[in-house]
N, C-alpha and C. Protein backbone atom coordinates (compact mmCIF):
# COMPACT_ATOMS: atom_id res chain seq x y z
N GLN A 1 14.84 -16.32 -22.61
CA GLN A 1 13.94 -16.75 -23.15
C GLN A 1 13.17 -17.75 -22.23
N VAL A 2 11.84 -17.53 -22.09
CA VAL A 2 11.18 -19.11 -21.14
C VAL A 2 10.21 -19.20 -22.07
N HIS A 3 9.88 -20.88 -22.36
CA HIS A 3 8.46 -21.00 -22.92
C HIS A 3 7.56 -21.42 -22.01
N VAL A 4 6.40 -21.27 -21.96
CA VAL A 4 5.60 -21.55 -20.63
C VAL A 4 4.31 -22.58 -21.66
N VAL A 5 4.10 -23.85 -21.25
CA VAL A 5 3.02 -24.57 -21.57
C VAL A 5 1.92 -24.88 -20.60
N GLU A 6 0.59 -24.71 -20.72
CA GLU A 6 -0.35 -25.15 -20.00
C GLU A 6 -1.02 -26.01 -20.26
N SER A 7 -1.49 -27.14 -19.26
CA SER A 7 -2.30 -28.36 -19.77
C SER A 7 -3.19 -28.40 -18.35
N GLY A 8 -4.27 -29.57 -18.38
CA GLY A 8 -4.98 -29.69 -17.75
C GLY A 8 -6.43 -28.99 -17.61
N GLY A 9 -6.85 -28.32 -18.86
CA GLY A 9 -8.15 -27.78 -18.66
C GLY A 9 -9.01 -29.06 -19.27
N GLY A 10 -10.42 -28.49 -19.50
CA GLY A 10 -11.56 -29.09 -19.66
C GLY A 10 -12.91 -29.14 -19.29
N VAL A 11 -13.81 -29.64 -19.45
CA VAL A 11 -14.93 -29.49 -18.93
C VAL A 11 -15.49 -30.24 -17.63
N VAL A 12 -16.23 -29.74 -16.54
CA VAL A 12 -16.53 -30.08 -15.49
C VAL A 12 -17.56 -29.45 -15.23
N GLN A 13 -18.41 -30.13 -14.23
CA GLN A 13 -19.83 -29.86 -13.70
C GLN A 13 -19.64 -28.86 -12.37
N ASP A 14 -20.68 -28.10 -12.02
CA ASP A 14 -20.65 -27.36 -10.90
C ASP A 14 -20.28 -28.09 -10.04
N GLY A 15 -19.04 -27.60 -8.95
CA GLY A 15 -18.74 -28.32 -7.89
C GLY A 15 -17.47 -29.34 -7.88
N GLY A 16 -17.43 -29.47 -9.14
CA GLY A 16 -16.25 -30.34 -9.70
C GLY A 16 -15.17 -29.62 -9.36
N SER A 17 -13.82 -30.42 -9.66
CA SER A 17 -12.58 -30.02 -9.44
C SER A 17 -11.71 -30.23 -10.88
N LEU A 18 -10.59 -29.51 -10.88
CA LEU A 18 -9.62 -29.94 -12.24
C LEU A 18 -8.09 -29.45 -11.55
N ARG A 19 -7.25 -29.73 -11.92
CA ARG A 19 -5.77 -29.34 -11.70
C ARG A 19 -5.24 -29.04 -12.75
N LEU A 20 -4.87 -27.56 -12.70
CA LEU A 20 -4.19 -27.53 -13.99
C LEU A 20 -2.66 -27.57 -13.62
N SER A 21 -1.66 -27.54 -14.98
CA SER A 21 -0.27 -27.50 -14.85
C SER A 21 0.11 -26.44 -15.76
N CYS A 22 1.48 -26.23 -15.38
CA CYS A 22 2.16 -24.96 -16.17
C CYS A 22 3.74 -25.50 -16.04
N ALA A 23 4.34 -25.62 -17.45
CA ALA A 23 5.71 -26.11 -17.31
C ALA A 23 6.63 -25.28 -17.92
N ALA A 24 7.20 -24.79 -17.37
CA ALA A 24 8.24 -23.34 -17.91
C ALA A 24 9.62 -24.16 -18.30
N SER A 25 10.02 -23.61 -19.48
CA SER A 25 11.42 -24.10 -19.86
C SER A 25 12.55 -22.92 -20.39
N GLY A 26 13.48 -23.12 -20.17
CA GLY A 26 14.28 -22.15 -20.48
C GLY A 26 15.21 -21.38 -19.44
N ARG A 27 15.48 -20.13 -19.68
CA ARG A 27 16.25 -19.38 -18.53
C ARG A 27 15.35 -19.03 -17.31
N THR A 28 14.92 -20.20 -16.60
CA THR A 28 14.12 -20.01 -15.33
C THR A 28 14.43 -20.06 -14.09
N GLY A 29 15.46 -19.24 -13.82
CA GLY A 29 16.06 -19.29 -12.55
C GLY A 29 15.41 -18.10 -11.50
N ASN A 30 15.17 -18.50 -10.41
CA ASN A 30 14.46 -17.51 -9.43
C ASN A 30 13.59 -16.81 -9.69
N TYR A 31 12.36 -17.31 -10.34
CA TYR A 31 11.36 -16.43 -10.89
C TYR A 31 10.15 -17.07 -10.38
N ALA A 32 9.13 -15.88 -10.28
CA ALA A 32 7.67 -16.10 -9.79
C ALA A 32 6.81 -16.78 -11.05
N MET A 33 5.76 -17.14 -10.66
CA MET A 33 4.62 -17.70 -11.36
C MET A 33 3.20 -17.43 -11.05
N GLY A 34 2.56 -17.15 -12.09
CA GLY A 34 1.28 -16.76 -11.76
C GLY A 34 -0.12 -17.22 -12.84
N TRP A 35 -1.13 -17.35 -12.44
CA TRP A 35 -2.17 -18.08 -13.06
C TRP A 35 -2.75 -16.52 -13.26
N PHE A 36 -3.52 -16.34 -14.58
CA PHE A 36 -4.56 -15.51 -14.80
C PHE A 36 -5.65 -16.12 -15.51
N ARG A 37 -6.65 -15.33 -15.61
CA ARG A 37 -7.93 -15.88 -16.48
C ARG A 37 -8.98 -14.98 -17.26
N GLN A 38 -9.21 -15.48 -18.34
CA GLN A 38 -9.71 -14.33 -19.26
C GLN A 38 -11.16 -15.30 -19.78
N ALA A 39 -12.29 -14.65 -19.34
CA ALA A 39 -13.83 -14.89 -19.83
C ALA A 39 -13.97 -14.19 -20.94
N PRO A 40 -15.09 -14.82 -21.85
CA PRO A 40 -15.43 -14.04 -23.11
C PRO A 40 -15.94 -12.73 -22.59
N GLY A 41 -15.33 -11.57 -23.28
CA GLY A 41 -15.84 -10.40 -23.16
C GLY A 41 -15.58 -9.70 -22.16
N LYS A 42 -14.29 -10.47 -21.50
CA LYS A 42 -13.95 -9.60 -20.29
C LYS A 42 -12.31 -9.69 -20.18
N GLU A 43 -11.84 -8.46 -19.22
CA GLU A 43 -10.30 -8.63 -19.36
C GLU A 43 -9.99 -9.59 -18.52
N ARG A 44 -8.38 -9.94 -18.95
CA ARG A 44 -7.71 -10.97 -18.35
C ARG A 44 -7.53 -10.65 -16.74
N GLU A 45 -7.73 -11.39 -15.54
CA GLU A 45 -7.68 -11.09 -14.67
C GLU A 45 -6.96 -11.76 -13.75
N PHE A 46 -6.20 -11.64 -12.44
CA PHE A 46 -5.45 -12.44 -11.90
C PHE A 46 -6.25 -13.43 -11.05
N VAL A 47 -5.45 -14.64 -10.87
CA VAL A 47 -6.20 -15.93 -10.13
C VAL A 47 -5.34 -15.87 -9.02
N ALA A 48 -3.79 -16.32 -8.91
CA ALA A 48 -2.87 -16.78 -7.86
C ALA A 48 -1.75 -16.57 -8.29
N ALA A 49 -0.56 -16.45 -7.70
CA ALA A 49 0.88 -16.43 -7.82
C ALA A 49 1.59 -16.91 -6.69
N ILE A 50 2.80 -17.35 -7.09
CA ILE A 50 3.81 -17.99 -6.20
C ILE A 50 5.03 -17.76 -6.47
N SER A 51 5.83 -17.42 -5.31
CA SER A 51 7.28 -17.28 -5.57
C SER A 51 7.99 -18.11 -5.85
N TRP A 52 9.43 -18.18 -5.80
CA TRP A 52 10.18 -19.43 -6.51
C TRP A 52 10.68 -20.06 -5.58
N THR A 53 10.32 -19.51 -3.77
CA THR A 53 10.65 -20.37 -3.12
C THR A 53 9.26 -21.46 -2.76
N GLY A 54 8.12 -20.41 -3.01
CA GLY A 54 7.12 -21.43 -2.47
C GLY A 54 6.62 -20.72 -1.03
N GLY A 55 7.38 -19.69 -0.44
CA GLY A 55 7.07 -19.09 0.59
C GLY A 55 5.89 -17.92 0.60
N SER A 56 5.86 -17.47 -0.35
CA SER A 56 5.06 -16.81 -0.78
C SER A 56 3.94 -16.73 -1.50
N MET A 57 2.71 -16.75 -1.45
CA MET A 57 1.79 -16.70 -2.37
C MET A 57 0.32 -15.63 -2.25
N SER A 58 -0.37 -15.56 -3.38
CA SER A 58 -1.58 -14.45 -3.49
C SER A 58 -2.28 -15.12 -4.16
N TYR A 59 -3.52 -14.93 -3.88
CA TYR A 59 -5.03 -15.17 -4.43
C TYR A 59 -5.96 -14.18 -4.93
N ALA A 60 -6.68 -14.20 -5.92
CA ALA A 60 -8.00 -13.31 -6.18
C ALA A 60 -8.76 -13.60 -5.03
N ASP A 61 -9.68 -12.66 -4.55
CA ASP A 61 -10.46 -12.88 -3.55
C ASP A 61 -11.57 -14.03 -4.21
N SER A 62 -11.83 -14.08 -4.96
CA SER A 62 -13.04 -14.63 -5.56
C SER A 62 -12.56 -16.30 -5.91
N VAL A 63 -11.30 -16.65 -5.62
CA VAL A 63 -10.91 -18.19 -5.52
C VAL A 63 -10.51 -18.69 -4.28
N LYS A 64 -10.16 -17.65 -3.23
CA LYS A 64 -9.62 -18.01 -1.98
C LYS A 64 -10.48 -18.98 -1.11
N GLY A 65 -10.00 -20.44 -0.63
CA GLY A 65 -10.78 -21.09 0.11
C GLY A 65 -11.07 -22.22 -1.09
N ARG A 66 -10.76 -22.02 -2.45
CA ARG A 66 -11.28 -23.05 -3.45
C ARG A 66 -9.99 -23.47 -4.32
N PHE A 67 -9.14 -22.64 -4.71
CA PHE A 67 -7.89 -22.81 -5.34
C PHE A 67 -6.69 -22.82 -4.32
N THR A 68 -5.69 -23.53 -4.69
CA THR A 68 -4.61 -23.84 -4.26
C THR A 68 -3.42 -23.96 -5.44
N ILE A 69 -2.71 -23.04 -5.12
CA ILE A 69 -1.52 -22.79 -6.15
C ILE A 69 -0.04 -23.72 -5.63
N SER A 70 0.80 -24.34 -5.98
CA SER A 70 1.90 -25.16 -5.47
C SER A 70 3.00 -25.18 -6.80
N ARG A 71 4.19 -25.62 -6.40
CA ARG A 71 5.20 -25.62 -7.40
C ARG A 71 6.28 -26.46 -7.13
N ASP A 72 6.60 -27.08 -7.95
CA ASP A 72 7.54 -28.34 -8.10
C ASP A 72 8.91 -27.76 -8.90
N ASN A 73 10.13 -27.39 -8.35
CA ASN A 73 11.12 -26.72 -8.83
C ASN A 73 11.92 -27.66 -9.70
N ALA A 74 12.19 -28.71 -8.80
CA ALA A 74 12.27 -29.69 -9.82
C ALA A 74 12.23 -30.03 -11.24
N LYS A 75 11.01 -30.04 -11.51
CA LYS A 75 10.18 -30.20 -12.81
C LYS A 75 9.79 -28.80 -13.44
N ASN A 76 10.59 -27.65 -12.86
CA ASN A 76 9.75 -26.50 -13.25
C ASN A 76 8.48 -26.53 -13.79
N THR A 77 7.86 -26.61 -12.86
CA THR A 77 6.07 -26.76 -12.96
C THR A 77 5.47 -26.19 -11.91
N VAL A 78 4.47 -25.48 -12.29
CA VAL A 78 3.40 -25.08 -11.23
C VAL A 78 2.03 -25.35 -11.21
N TYR A 79 1.64 -25.81 -10.26
CA TYR A 79 0.15 -26.20 -10.50
C TYR A 79 -1.24 -25.52 -10.17
N LEU A 80 -1.96 -25.61 -10.36
CA LEU A 80 -3.23 -24.94 -9.84
C LEU A 80 -4.31 -25.94 -9.43
N GLN A 81 -4.82 -26.18 -8.29
CA GLN A 81 -5.77 -27.14 -7.90
C GLN A 81 -6.97 -26.29 -8.00
N MET A 82 -8.03 -26.70 -8.13
CA MET A 82 -9.26 -26.02 -8.55
C MET A 82 -10.57 -26.65 -8.08
N ASN A 83 -11.06 -26.55 -6.52
CA ASN A 83 -12.01 -27.24 -6.22
C ASN A 83 -13.19 -26.12 -6.04
N ASP A 84 -14.35 -27.02 -5.96
CA ASP A 84 -15.76 -26.20 -5.93
C ASP A 84 -15.86 -25.35 -6.72
N LEU A 85 -15.47 -25.74 -8.18
CA LEU A 85 -15.53 -25.01 -9.07
C LEU A 85 -16.93 -24.57 -9.40
N LYS A 86 -17.11 -23.24 -10.17
CA LYS A 86 -18.64 -22.67 -10.44
C LYS A 86 -18.52 -22.45 -11.83
N PRO A 87 -19.94 -22.27 -12.49
CA PRO A 87 -19.82 -21.77 -13.73
C PRO A 87 -19.26 -20.27 -13.86
N GLU A 88 -19.06 -19.39 -12.89
CA GLU A 88 -18.27 -17.95 -13.51
C GLU A 88 -16.84 -18.38 -13.19
N ASP A 89 -16.23 -19.44 -13.04
CA ASP A 89 -14.93 -19.81 -13.11
C ASP A 89 -14.59 -20.17 -14.71
N THR A 90 -15.66 -20.38 -15.45
CA THR A 90 -15.17 -20.45 -16.93
C THR A 90 -14.38 -19.48 -17.40
N ALA A 91 -13.42 -20.25 -18.26
CA ALA A 91 -12.58 -18.86 -19.22
C ALA A 91 -11.15 -19.68 -19.21
N VAL A 92 -10.39 -19.09 -20.10
CA VAL A 92 -9.41 -19.31 -20.70
C VAL A 92 -8.21 -19.19 -19.65
N TYR A 93 -7.37 -20.29 -19.47
CA TYR A 93 -6.61 -19.80 -18.15
C TYR A 93 -5.20 -19.64 -18.51
N TYR A 94 -4.40 -19.02 -18.31
CA TYR A 94 -3.04 -18.58 -18.68
C TYR A 94 -2.33 -18.61 -17.51
N CYS A 95 -0.89 -19.12 -17.84
CA CYS A 95 0.26 -19.25 -17.03
C CYS A 95 1.08 -18.16 -17.13
N ALA A 96 1.80 -17.63 -16.42
CA ALA A 96 2.80 -16.50 -16.61
C ALA A 96 4.01 -16.57 -15.69
N VAL A 97 5.04 -16.09 -16.32
CA VAL A 97 6.26 -15.82 -15.82
C VAL A 97 6.86 -14.63 -15.70
N LYS A 98 7.52 -14.17 -14.69
CA LYS A 98 8.51 -13.23 -14.04
C LYS A 98 9.42 -13.44 -13.20
N GLU A 99 10.45 -12.67 -13.29
CA GLU A 99 11.84 -12.79 -12.47
C GLU A 99 10.95 -12.17 -11.03
N LEU A 100 11.89 -12.83 -10.07
CA LEU A 100 11.79 -12.43 -8.57
C LEU A 100 10.53 -12.62 -7.97
N MET A 101 10.16 -11.10 -7.57
CA MET A 101 9.03 -11.39 -6.57
C MET A 101 7.49 -11.53 -7.44
N ILE A 102 6.51 -12.25 -6.48
CA ILE A 102 5.27 -12.30 -7.23
C ILE A 102 4.66 -11.13 -7.52
N SER A 103 3.48 -11.10 -8.26
CA SER A 103 2.89 -9.48 -8.47
C SER A 103 1.56 -10.65 -9.08
N THR A 104 0.63 -9.22 -8.71
CA THR A 104 -1.00 -9.73 -9.24
C THR A 104 -1.22 -8.91 -10.47
N THR A 105 -0.47 -8.09 -10.93
CA THR A 105 -0.41 -7.40 -12.11
C THR A 105 -0.13 -7.84 -13.25
N ARG A 106 -0.89 -7.98 -14.26
CA ARG A 106 -0.65 -8.70 -15.58
C ARG A 106 0.54 -8.22 -16.37
N GLY A 107 0.74 -6.93 -16.53
CA GLY A 107 1.80 -6.45 -17.20
C GLY A 107 3.02 -6.70 -16.38
N ALA A 108 3.17 -6.94 -15.47
CA ALA A 108 4.51 -7.38 -14.53
C ALA A 108 5.19 -8.39 -15.37
N TYR A 109 4.24 -9.43 -15.97
CA TYR A 109 5.01 -10.52 -16.23
C TYR A 109 5.44 -10.58 -17.61
N ASP A 110 6.69 -11.35 -17.84
CA ASP A 110 7.43 -11.53 -19.09
C ASP A 110 6.94 -12.44 -20.16
N TYR A 111 6.44 -13.77 -19.60
CA TYR A 111 6.50 -14.89 -20.19
C TYR A 111 5.02 -15.28 -20.00
N TRP A 112 4.20 -15.63 -21.43
CA TRP A 112 2.97 -16.32 -21.31
C TRP A 112 2.75 -17.65 -21.97
N GLY A 113 1.96 -18.24 -21.19
CA GLY A 113 1.57 -19.48 -22.05
C GLY A 113 0.53 -19.28 -23.15
N GLN A 114 -0.31 -20.05 -23.87
CA GLN A 114 -0.84 -19.94 -24.55
C GLN A 114 -2.75 -19.99 -24.39
N GLY A 115 -2.68 -20.53 -22.97
CA GLY A 115 -3.86 -20.89 -22.51
C GLY A 115 -4.44 -22.45 -22.34
N THR A 116 -5.05 -22.46 -21.40
CA THR A 116 -6.22 -23.67 -21.30
C THR A 116 -7.68 -23.52 -20.97
N GLN A 117 -8.38 -24.05 -21.87
CA GLN A 117 -9.94 -23.69 -21.65
C GLN A 117 -10.55 -24.55 -20.31
N VAL A 118 -11.09 -23.78 -19.43
CA VAL A 118 -11.76 -24.39 -18.30
C VAL A 118 -13.20 -23.88 -18.32
N THR A 119 -14.16 -24.86 -18.63
CA THR A 119 -15.44 -24.75 -18.48
C THR A 119 -16.53 -25.39 -17.80
N VAL A 120 -17.08 -24.88 -16.90
CA VAL A 120 -17.73 -25.40 -15.56
C VAL A 120 -19.39 -25.27 -16.04
N SER A 121 -20.04 -26.41 -16.13
CA SER A 121 -21.44 -26.43 -16.54
C SER A 121 -22.22 -26.32 -15.06
N SER A 122 -23.44 -25.67 -15.63
CA SER A 122 -24.29 -25.90 -14.37
C SER A 122 -25.00 -26.94 -14.51
């Protein structure tokens, strides 16, 4: 079992920055971590993912060049640095964990956090 907890959400103005953190605990060896988001009335969508070593990463087209995913395995923590935020980035952001390789598919992830709200005001 893996326990996942996100933090770092908040309210920021258009063009601002936030850094989300996700801490995983439990059986967490050789796992990939991903970020997804869900806006009101929309489906949960992929944002970014990173492999256990950090050597493989993937980003949604909508966030490329603005968001950066990274991880610190000593702390079992993954980060999502979000720059140049836009009102359309407003959503609940979820962290997820899966074994082995990264995936952009929501259903591939086994463990999820409760989410953290990010609101970008115009």
